[in-house]
PDB file of N, CA and C in Angstrom:
ATOM      1  N   MET A   1       0.727  -1.178  -0.091  1.00  0.00           N
ATOM      2  CA  MET A   1       0.002   0.199  -0.052  1.00  0.00           C
ATOM      3  C   MET A   1       0.740   1.277  -0.034  1.00  0.00           C
ATOM      4  N   THR A   2       1.964   1.151   0.290  1.00  0.00           N
ATOM      5  CA  THR A   2       2.831   2.465   0.301  1.00  0.00           C
ATOM      6  C   THR A   2       3.497   2.429  -0.943  1.00  0.00           C
ATOM      7  N   THR A   3       3.740   1.712  -1.884  1.00  0.00           N
ATOM      8  CA  THR A   3       4.182   1.509  -3.040  1.00  0.00           C
ATOM      9  C   THR A   3       3.535   2.428  -4.049  1.00  0.00           C
ATOM     10  N   PRO A   4       3.927   3.846  -4.750  1.00  0.00           N
ATOM     11  CA  PRO A   4       3.208   4.313  -5.636  1.00  0.00           C
ATOM     12  C   PRO A   4       2.806   3.351  -6.923  1.00  0.00           C
ATOM     13  N   GLY A   5       1.596   3.513  -7.308  1.00  0.00           N
ATOM     14  CA  GLY A   5       1.022   2.589  -8.538  1.00  0.00           C
ATOM     15  C   GLY A   5       0.874   0.985  -8.141  1.00  0.00           C
ATOM     16  N   SER A   6       0.918   0.602  -6.886  1.00  0.00           N
ATOM     17  CA  SER A   6       0.963  -0.904  -6.719  1.00  0.00           C
ATOM     18  C   SER A   6      -0.651  -1.259  -6.149  1.00  0.00           C
ATOM     19  N   HIS A   7      -1.226  -0.187  -5.552  1.00  0.00           N
ATOM     20  CA  HIS A   7      -2.293  -0.289  -4.844  1.00  0.00           C
ATOM     21  C   HIS A   7      -3.690   0.420  -5.417  1.00  0.00           C
ATOM     22  N   ARG A   8      -4.440  -0.343  -6.239  1.00  0.00           N
ATOM     23  CA  ARG A   8      -5.339   0.498  -7.078  1.00  0.00           C
ATOM     24  C   ARG A   8      -6.736   0.567  -6.427  1.00  0.00           C
ATOM     25  N   ASP A   9      -6.927   0.225  -4.927  1.00  0.00           N
ATOM     26  CA  ASP A   9      -8.185   0.258  -4.293  1.00  0.00           C
ATOM     27  C   ASP A   9      -8.557   1.791  -3.873  1.00  0.00           C
ATOM     28  N   ALA A  10      -9.561   2.382  -4.193  1.00  0.00           N
ATOM     29  CA  ALA A  10      -9.975   3.765  -3.837  1.00  0.00           C
ATOM     30  C   ALA A  10     -10.486   4.045  -2.493  1.00  0.00           C
ATOM     31  N   TYR A  11     -10.713   2.862  -1.883  1.00  0.00           N
ATOM     32  CA  TYR A  11     -11.285   2.922  -0.268  1.00  0.00           C
ATOM     33  C   TYR A  11     -10.489   2.279   0.497  1.00  0.00           C
ATOM     34  N   ALA A  12     -10.180   2.702   1.769  1.00  0.00           N
ATOM     35  CA  ALA A  12      -9.783   1.991   2.690  1.00  0.00           C
ATOM     36  C   ALA A  12     -10.579   2.522   3.989  1.00  0.00           C
ATOM     37  N   SER A  13     -10.920   1.584   4.786  1.00  0.00           N
ATOM     38  CA  SER A  13     -11.954   2.062   5.923  1.00  0.00           C
ATOM     39  C   SER A  13     -11.283   3.236   6.810  1.00  0.00           C
ATOM     40  N   SER A  14     -12.110   3.862   7.467  1.00  0.00           N
ATOM     41  CA  SER A  14     -11.641   4.962   8.403  1.00  0.00           C
ATOM     42  C   SER A  14     -10.459   4.182   9.198  1.00  0.00           C
ATOM     43  N   TYR A  15     -10.790   3.066   9.888  1.00  0.00           N
ATOM     44  CA  TYR A  15      -9.980   2.447  11.079  1.00  0.00           C
ATOM     45  C   TYR A  15      -8.647   1.953  10.433  1.00  0.00           C
ATOM     46  N   HIS A  16      -8.694   1.635   9.078  1.00  0.00           N
ATOM     47  CA  HIS A  16      -7.337   1.423   8.529  1.00  0.00           C
ATOM     48  C   HIS A  16      -6.515   2.452   8.263  1.00  0.00           C
ATOM     49  N   ARG A  17      -7.198   3.477   7.718  1.00  0.00           N
ATOM     50  CA  ARG A  17      -6.302   4.919   7.444  1.00  0.00           C
ATOM     51  C   ARG A  17      -5.784   5.265   8.978  1.00  0.00           C
ATOM     52  N   MET A  18      -6.499   5.496  10.038  1.00  0.00           N
ATOM     53  CA  MET A  18      -6.073   6.071  11.422  1.00  0.00           C
ATOM     54  C   MET A  18      -5.041   5.174  11.637  1.00  0.00           C
ATOM     55  N   PHE A  19      -5.054   3.585  11.546  1.00  0.00           N
ATOM     56  CA  PHE A  19      -4.081   2.747  12.273  1.00  0.00           C
ATOM     57  C   PHE A  19      -2.898   3.153  11.700  1.00  0.00           C
ATOM     58  N   PHE A  20      -3.049   3.138  10.294  1.00  0.00           N
ATOM     59  CA  PHE A  20      -1.554   3.375   9.381  1.00  0.00           C
ATOM     60  C   PHE A  20      -1.076   4.797   9.842  1.00  0.00           C
ATOM     61  N   GLN A  21      -1.813   5.734   9.966  1.00  0.00           N
ATOM     62  CA  GLN A  21      -1.252   6.944  10.043  1.00  0.00           C
ATOM     63  C   GLN A  21      -0.894   6.934  11.230  1.00  0.00           C
ATOM     64  N   ASN A  22      -1.113   6.619  12.392  1.00  0.00           N
ATOM     65  CA  ASN A  22      -0.493   6.338  13.751  1.00  0.00           C
ATOM     66  C   ASN A  22       0.536   5.725  13.684  1.00  0.00           C
ATOM     67  N   ARG A  23       0.637   4.604  13.000  1.00  0.00           N
ATOM     68  CA  ARG A  23       1.832   3.677  12.824  1.00  0.00           C
ATOM     69  C   ARG A  23       3.058   4.398  11.870  1.00  0.00           C
ATOM     70  N   ALA A  24       2.700   5.220  11.083  1.00  0.00           N
ATOM     71  CA  ALA A  24       3.647   5.912  10.317  1.00  0.00           C
ATOM     72  C   ALA A  24       4.187   7.271  11.144  1.00  0.00           C
ATOM     73  N   ALA A  25       3.482   7.633  12.098  1.00  0.00           N
ATOM     74  CA  ALA A  25       3.798   8.588  12.915  1.00  0.00           C
ATOM     75  C   ALA A  25       4.798   8.067  14.224  1.00  0.00           C
ATOM     76  N   GLY A  26       4.844   6.863  14.021  1.00  0.00           N
ATOM     77  CA  GLY A  26       6.179   6.052  14.817  1.00  0.00           C
ATOM     78  C   GLY A  26       5.313   5.456  16.106  1.00  0.00           C
ATOM     79  N   ARG A  27       4.154   5.598  16.282  1.00  0.00           N
ATOM     80  CA  ARG A  27       3.399   5.086  17.489  1.00  0.00           C
ATOM     81  C   ARG A  27       3.655   3.603  17.383  1.00  0.00           C
ATOM     82  N   PRO A  28       3.821   3.004  18.884  1.00  0.00           N
ATOM     83  CA  PRO A  28       3.709   1.496  18.951  1.00  0.00           C
ATOM     84  C   PRO A  28       2.637   0.738  18.488  1.00  0.00           C
ATOM     85  N   LEU A  29       2.493  -0.480  18.031  1.00  0.00           N
ATOM     86  CA  LEU A  29       1.308  -1.081  17.490  1.00  0.00           C
ATOM     87  C   LEU A  29       0.369  -1.052  18.281  1.00  0.00           C
ATOM     88  N   ARG A  30       0.354  -1.075  19.715  1.00  0.00           N
ATOM     89  CA  ARG A  30      -0.588  -1.145  20.790  1.00  0.00           C
ATOM     90  C   ARG A  30      -1.248   0.085  20.856  1.00  0.00           C
ATOM     91  N   GLU A  31      -0.474   1.414  20.114  1.00  0.00           N
ATOM     92  CA  GLU A  31      -1.313   2.569  20.334  1.00  0.00           C
ATOM     93  C   GLU A  31      -1.839   2.886  19.043  1.00  0.00           C
ATOM     94  N   CYS A  32      -1.834   2.071  18.011  1.00  0.00           N
ATOM     95  CA  CYS A  32      -2.376   2.485  16.571  1.00  0.00           C
ATOM     96  C   CYS A  32      -3.861   2.501  16.340  1.00  0.00           C
ATOM     97  N   PRO A  33      -4.447   1.551  17.028  1.00  0.00           N
ATOM     98  CA  PRO A  33      -6.266   1.485  16.919  1.00  0.00           C
ATOM     99  C   PRO A  33      -6.447   2.925  17.425  1.00  0.00           C
ATOM    100  N   SER A  34      -7.609   3.515  16.682  1.00  0.00           N
ATOM    101  CA  SER A  34      -7.925   4.748  16.996  1.00  0.00           C
ATOM    102  C   SER A  34      -9.410   4.636  16.848  1.00  0.00           C
ATOM    103  N   ASN A  35     -10.292   5.875  16.958  1.00  0.00           N
ATOM    104  CA  ASN A  35     -11.756   5.988  16.729  1.00  0.00           C
ATOM    105  C   ASN A  35     -11.784   7.503  16.369  1.00  0.00           C
ATOM    106  N   ASP A  36     -12.563   7.664  15.283  1.00  0.00           N
ATOM    107  CA  ASP A  36     -13.028   9.086  14.893  1.00  0.00           C
ATOM    108  C   ASP A  36     -14.259   9.688  15.405  1.00  0.00           C
ATOM    109  N   GLY A  37     -14.893   8.669  16.244  1.00  0.00           N
ATOM    110  CA  GLY A  37     -16.295   8.864  16.751  1.00  0.00           C
ATOM    111  C   GLY A  37     -17.499   8.802  15.568  1.00  0.00           C
ATOM    112  N   HIS A  38     -16.933   8.493  14.675  1.00  0.00           N
ATOM    113  CA  HIS A  38     -17.992   8.418  13.374  1.00  0.00           C
ATOM    114  C   HIS A  38     -18.102   7.233  12.653  1.00  0.00           C
ATOM    115  N   ASN A  39     -17.141   7.011  12.121  1.00  0.00           N
ATOM    116  CA  ASN A  39     -17.032   5.792  11.160  1.00  0.00           C
ATOM    117  C   ASN A  39     -16.406   4.319  11.720  1.00  0.00           C
ATOM    118  N   VAL A  40     -16.076   4.347  12.786  1.00  0.00           N
ATOM    119  CA  VAL A  40     -15.118   3.353  13.245  1.00  0.00           C
ATOM    120  C   VAL A  40     -16.185   2.515  14.062  1.00  0.00           C
ATOM    121  N   ASP A  41     -17.082   2.815  14.806  1.00  0.00           N
ATOM    122  CA  ASP A  41     -18.127   2.217  15.506  1.00  0.00           C
ATOM    123  C   ASP A  41     -19.073   1.770  14.298  1.00  0.00           C
ATOM    124  N   ALA A  42     -18.694   0.728  13.557  1.00  0.00           N
ATOM    125  CA  ALA A  42     -19.658   0.308  12.494  1.00  0.00           C
ATOM    126  C   ALA A  42     -19.645  -1.271  12.394  1.00  0.00           C
ATOM    127  N   ILE A  43     -20.531  -1.955  11.732  1.00  0.00           N
ATOM    128  CA  ILE A  43     -20.839  -3.198  11.632  1.00  0.00           C
ATOM    129  C   ILE A  43     -19.518  -4.036  11.195  1.00  0.00           C
ATOM    130  N   ASP A  44     -18.731  -3.447  10.145  1.00  0.00           N
ATOM    131  CA  ASP A  44     -17.898  -4.311   9.887  1.00  0.00           C
ATOM    132  C   ASP A  44     -16.649  -4.515  10.915  1.00  0.00           C
ATOM    133  N   GLY A  45     -16.732  -3.867  11.993  1.00  0.00           N
ATOM    134  CA  GLY A  45     -16.047  -4.301  13.021  1.00  0.00           C
ATOM    135  C   GLY A  45     -16.425  -5.575  13.820  1.00  0.00           C
ATOM    136  N   LEU A  46     -17.224  -6.169  13.139  1.00  0.00           N
ATOM    137  CA  LEU A  46     -17.684  -7.469  13.957  1.00  0.00           C
ATOM    138  C   LEU A  46     -17.158  -8.681  13.166  1.00  0.00           C
ATOM    139  N   VAL A  47     -16.458  -8.367  11.728  1.00  0.00           N
ATOM    140  CA  VAL A  47     -16.212  -9.569  10.966  1.00  0.00           C
ATOM    141  C   VAL A  47     -15.004 -10.145  11.783  1.00  0.00           C
ATOM    142  N   ILE A  48     -13.972  -9.626  12.217  1.00  0.00           N
ATOM    143  CA  ILE A  48     -12.885 -10.381  12.812  1.00  0.00           C
ATOM    144  C   ILE A  48     -13.296 -11.333  13.955  1.00  0.00           C
ATOM    145  N   PRO A  49     -14.114 -10.436  15.168  1.00  0.00           N
ATOM    146  CA  PRO A  49     -14.541 -11.242  16.025  1.00  0.00           C
ATOM    147  C   PRO A  49     -15.578 -12.676  16.054  1.00  0.00           C
ATOM    148  N   ALA A  50     -16.328 -12.312  14.701  1.00  0.00           N
ATOM    149  CA  ALA A  50     -17.191 -13.507  14.088  1.00  0.00           C
ATOM    150  C   ALA A  50     -16.044 -14.760  14.054  1.00  0.00           C
ATOM    151  N   VAL A  51     -15.261 -14.413  13.272  1.00  0.00           N
ATOM    152  CA  VAL A  51     -14.102 -15.548  13.004  1.00  0.00           C
ATOM    153  C   VAL A  51     -13.516 -16.146  14.195  1.00  0.00           C
ATOM    154  N   VAL A  52     -13.136 -15.188  15.218  1.00  0.00           N
ATOM    155  CA  VAL A  52     -12.378 -15.678  16.350  1.00  0.00           C
ATOM    156  C   VAL A  52     -13.577 -16.520  17.089  1.00  0.00           C
ATOM    157  N   LEU A  53     -14.625 -16.057  17.469  1.00  0.00           N
ATOM    158  CA  LEU A  53     -15.915 -16.774  17.917  1.00  0.00           C
ATOM    159  C   LEU A  53     -15.952 -18.140  17.095  1.00  0.00           C
ATOM    160  N   LEU A  54     -15.779 -18.248  16.036  1.00  0.00           N
ATOM    161  CA  LEU A  54     -16.003 -19.564  15.050  1.00  0.00           C
ATOM    162  C   LEU A  54     -14.861 -20.383  15.401  1.00  0.00           C
ATOM    163  N   GLY A  55     -13.571 -19.724  15.838  1.00  0.00           N
ATOM    164  CA  GLY A  55     -12.573 -20.715  15.868  1.00  0.00           C
ATOM    165  C   GLY A  55     -12.421 -21.208  17.349  1.00  0.00           C
ATOM    166  N   GLY A  56     -13.082 -20.375  18.340  1.00  0.00           N
ATOM    167  CA  GLY A  56     -13.250 -20.750  19.653  1.00  0.00           C
ATOM    168  C   GLY A  56     -14.508 -21.516  20.106  1.00  0.00           C
ATOM    169  N   ALA A  57     -15.148 -22.248  19.186  1.00  0.00           N
ATOM    170  CA  ALA A  57     -16.441 -22.681  19.418  1.00  0.00           C
ATOM    171  C   ALA A  57     -16.289 -24.015  20.210  1.00  0.00           C
ATOM    172  N   ALA A  58     -15.558 -24.636  20.347  1.00  0.00           N
ATOM    173  CA  ALA A  58     -15.163 -25.840  21.176  1.00  0.00           C
ATOM    174  C   ALA A  58     -14.852 -25.291  22.849  1.00  0.00           C
ATOM    175  N   ARG A  59     -14.284 -24.015  22.804  1.00  0.00           N
ATOM    176  CA  ARG A  59     -13.828 -23.973  24.020  1.00  0.00           C
ATOM    177  C   ARG A  59     -15.004 -22.972  25.059  1.00  0.00           C
ATOM    178  N   PRO A  60     -14.877 -23.131  26.126  1.00  0.00           N
ATOM    179  CA  PRO A  60     -16.155 -22.244  27.094  1.00  0.00           C
ATOM    180  C   PRO A  60     -16.376 -20.985  26.467  1.00  0.00           C
ATOM    181  N   GLU A  61     -17.553 -20.628  26.512  1.00  0.00           N
ATOM    182  CA  GLU A  61     -18.099 -19.491  25.808  1.00  0.00           C
ATOM    183  C   GLU A  61     -17.304 -17.966  26.324  1.00  0.00           C
ATOM    184  N   GLY A  62     -17.213 -18.149  27.715  1.00  0.00           N
ATOM    185  CA  GLY A  62     -16.365 -16.912  28.374  1.00  0.00           C
ATOM    186  C   GLY A  62     -15.273 -16.563  27.760  1.00  0.00           C
ATOM    187  N   GLU A  63     -14.351 -17.683  27.569  1.00  0.00           N
ATOM    188  CA  GLU A  63     -12.886 -17.597  26.784  1.00  0.00           C
ATOM    189  C   GLU A  63     -13.026 -16.916  25.236  1.00  0.00           C
ATOM    190  N   ALA A  64     -13.731 -17.710  24.912  1.00  0.00           N
ATOM    191  CA  ALA A  64     -13.987 -17.086  23.445  1.00  0.00           C
ATOM    192  C   ALA A  64     -14.395 -16.015  23.175  1.00  0.00           C
ATOM    193  N   LEU A  65     -15.350 -15.452  23.820  1.00  0.00           N
ATOM    194  CA  LEU A  65     -16.023 -14.395  24.031  1.00  0.00           C
ATOM    195  C   LEU A  65     -15.036 -13.032  24.454  1.00  0.00           C
ATOM    196  N   LEU A  66     -14.036 -13.383  25.402  1.00  0.00           N
ATOM    197  CA  LEU A  66     -13.118 -12.421  25.730  1.00  0.00           C
ATOM    198  C   LEU A  66     -12.115 -12.384  24.640  1.00  0.00           C
ATOM    199  N   GLU A  67     -11.793 -13.358  24.028  1.00  0.00           N
ATOM    200  CA  GLU A  67     -10.753 -13.269  22.746  1.00  0.00           C
ATOM    201  C   GLU A  67     -11.404 -12.335  21.771  1.00  0.00           C
ATOM    202  N   ALA A  68     -12.535 -12.906  21.432  1.00  0.00           N
ATOM    203  CA  ALA A  68     -13.498 -12.165  20.283  1.00  0.00           C
ATOM    204  C   ALA A  68     -13.420 -10.484  20.368  1.00  0.00           C
ATOM    205  N   GLN A  69     -13.697 -10.193  21.891  1.00  0.00           N
ATOM    206  CA  GLN A  69     -13.774  -8.741  21.976  1.00  0.00           C
ATOM    207  C   GLN A  69     -12.245  -8.124  22.079  1.00  0.00           C
ATOM    208  N   GLN A  70     -11.392  -8.965  22.337  1.00  0.00           N
ATOM    209  CA  GLN A  70     -10.007  -8.460  22.285  1.00  0.00           C
ATOM    210  C   GLN A  70      -9.260  -8.259  20.892  1.00  0.00           C
ATOM    211  N   SER A  71     -10.150  -9.240  20.072  1.00  0.00           N
ATOM    212  CA  SER A  71      -9.772  -9.086  18.573  1.00  0.00           C
ATOM    213  C   SER A  71     -10.011  -7.750  18.053  1.00  0.00           C
ATOM    214  N   VAL A  72     -11.213  -6.990  18.572  1.00  0.00           N
ATOM    215  CA  VAL A  72     -11.635  -5.730  18.193  1.00  0.00           C
ATOM    216  C   VAL A  72     -10.594  -4.901  18.107  1.00  0.00           C
ATOM    217  N   ARG A  73      -9.877  -4.863  19.364  1.00  0.00           N
ATOM    218  CA  ARG A  73      -8.928  -3.863  19.502  1.00  0.00           C
ATOM    219  C   ARG A  73      -7.503  -3.943  18.736  1.00  0.00           C
ATOM    220  N   VAL A  74      -7.396  -5.046  18.110  1.00  0.00           N
ATOM    221  CA  VAL A  74      -6.191  -5.053  17.078  1.00  0.00           C
ATOM    222  C   VAL A  74      -6.564  -3.953  16.286  1.00  0.00           C
ATOM    223  N   THR A  75      -7.308  -3.700  15.664  1.00  0.00           N
ATOM    224  CA  THR A  75      -7.324  -2.639  14.635  1.00  0.00           C
ATOM    225  C   THR A  75      -8.029  -1.306  14.994  1.00  0.00           C
ATOM    226  N   ARG A  76      -9.171  -1.299  15.929  1.00  0.00           N
ATOM    227  CA  ARG A  76      -9.924  -0.058  16.292  1.00  0.00           C
ATOM    228  C   ARG A  76     -10.174  -0.008  17.777  1.00  0.00           C
ATOM    229  N   SER A  77     -10.168   1.223  18.284  1.00  0.00           N
ATOM    230  CA  SER A  77     -10.672   1.379  19.579  1.00  0.00           C
ATOM    231  C   SER A  77     -12.226   1.628  19.724  1.00  0.00           C
ATOM    232  N   SER A  78     -12.896   0.447  20.077  1.00  0.00           N
ATOM    233  CA  SER A  78     -14.470   0.941  20.042  1.00  0.00           C
ATOM    234  C   SER A  78     -15.087  -0.234  21.034  1.00  0.00           C
ATOM    235  N   PRO A  79     -15.190   0.237  21.994  1.00  0.00           N
ATOM    236  CA  PRO A  79     -16.077  -0.429  23.252  1.00  0.00           C
ATOM    237  C   PRO A  79     -17.412  -0.698  22.596  1.00  0.00           C
ATOM    238  N   ARG A  80     -17.849   0.248  22.052  1.00  0.00           N
ATOM    239  CA  ARG A  80     -19.177  -0.037  21.218  1.00  0.00           C
ATOM    240  C   ARG A  80     -19.312  -1.134  20.685  1.00  0.00           C
ATOM    241  N   VAL A  81     -18.662  -1.272  19.760  1.00  0.00           N
ATOM    242  CA  VAL A  81     -18.410  -2.738  18.847  1.00  0.00           C
ATOM    243  C   VAL A  81     -18.004  -3.996  19.705  1.00  0.00           C
ATOM    244  N   GLU A  82     -17.164  -3.835  20.642  1.00  0.00           N
ATOM    245  CA  GLU A  82     -16.950  -4.932  21.336  1.00  0.00           C
ATOM    246  C   GLU A  82     -18.070  -5.404  22.507  1.00  0.00           C
ATOM    247  N   GLY A  83     -18.978  -4.215  22.690  1.00  0.00           N
ATOM    248  CA  GLY A  83     -20.228  -4.740  23.457  1.00  0.00           C
ATOM    249  C   GLY A  83     -21.127  -5.522  22.423  1.00  0.00           C
ATOM    250  N   TYR A  84     -21.193  -5.299  21.004  1.00  0.00           N
ATOM    251  CA  TYR A  84     -22.038  -6.088  20.235  1.00  0.00           C
ATOM    252  C   TYR A  84     -21.426  -7.485  20.104  1.00  0.00           C
ATOM    253  N   VAL A  85     -20.373  -7.956  20.408  1.00  0.00           N
ATOM    254  CA  VAL A  85     -19.526  -9.009  20.030  1.00  0.00           C
ATOM    255  C   VAL A  85     -20.400 -10.188  20.948  1.00  0.00           C
ATOM    256  N   ALA A  86     -20.823  -9.573  22.113  1.00  0.00           N
ATOM    257  CA  ALA A  86     -21.557 -10.549  22.847  1.00  0.00           C
ATOM    258  C   ALA A  86     -22.691 -11.174  22.128  1.00  0.00           C
ATOM    259  N   GLU A  87     -23.332 -10.393  21.328  1.00  0.00           N
ATOM    260  CA  GLU A  87     -24.690 -10.788  20.789  1.00  0.00           C
ATOM    261  C   GLU A  87     -24.367 -11.665  19.609  1.00  0.00           C
ATOM    262  N   LEU A  88     -23.091 -12.090  19.091  1.00  0.00           N
ATOM    263  CA  LEU A  88     -22.677 -12.933  18.249  1.00  0.00           C
ATOM    264  C   LEU A  88     -22.299 -14.224  19.014  1.00  0.00           C
ATOM    265  N   SER A  89     -21.972 -14.210  20.210  1.00  0.00           N
ATOM    266  CA  SER A  89     -21.840 -15.553  21.066  1.00  0.00           C
ATOM    267  C   SER A  89     -22.630 -16.618  21.488  1.00  0.00           C
TER     268      SER A  89
END
């Protein structure tokens, strides 16, 4: 995505843009997830947690739920999305 002419996608979600902007500014990975108060608390935030829940289906529900909620924090800062993860479990 940083090589000119190699990435022709015209759109990247807000959480992607903010994450990489923070990373380019030299922030540690743990500090890169962010929230603009508008576009980050969105339904696409449930995609990764849904996969994590499916992968943890054989484990106790509480463990799988915690891991799925933590997976939200990898790319975005959204307690609101984390709260909806419980609805998927």
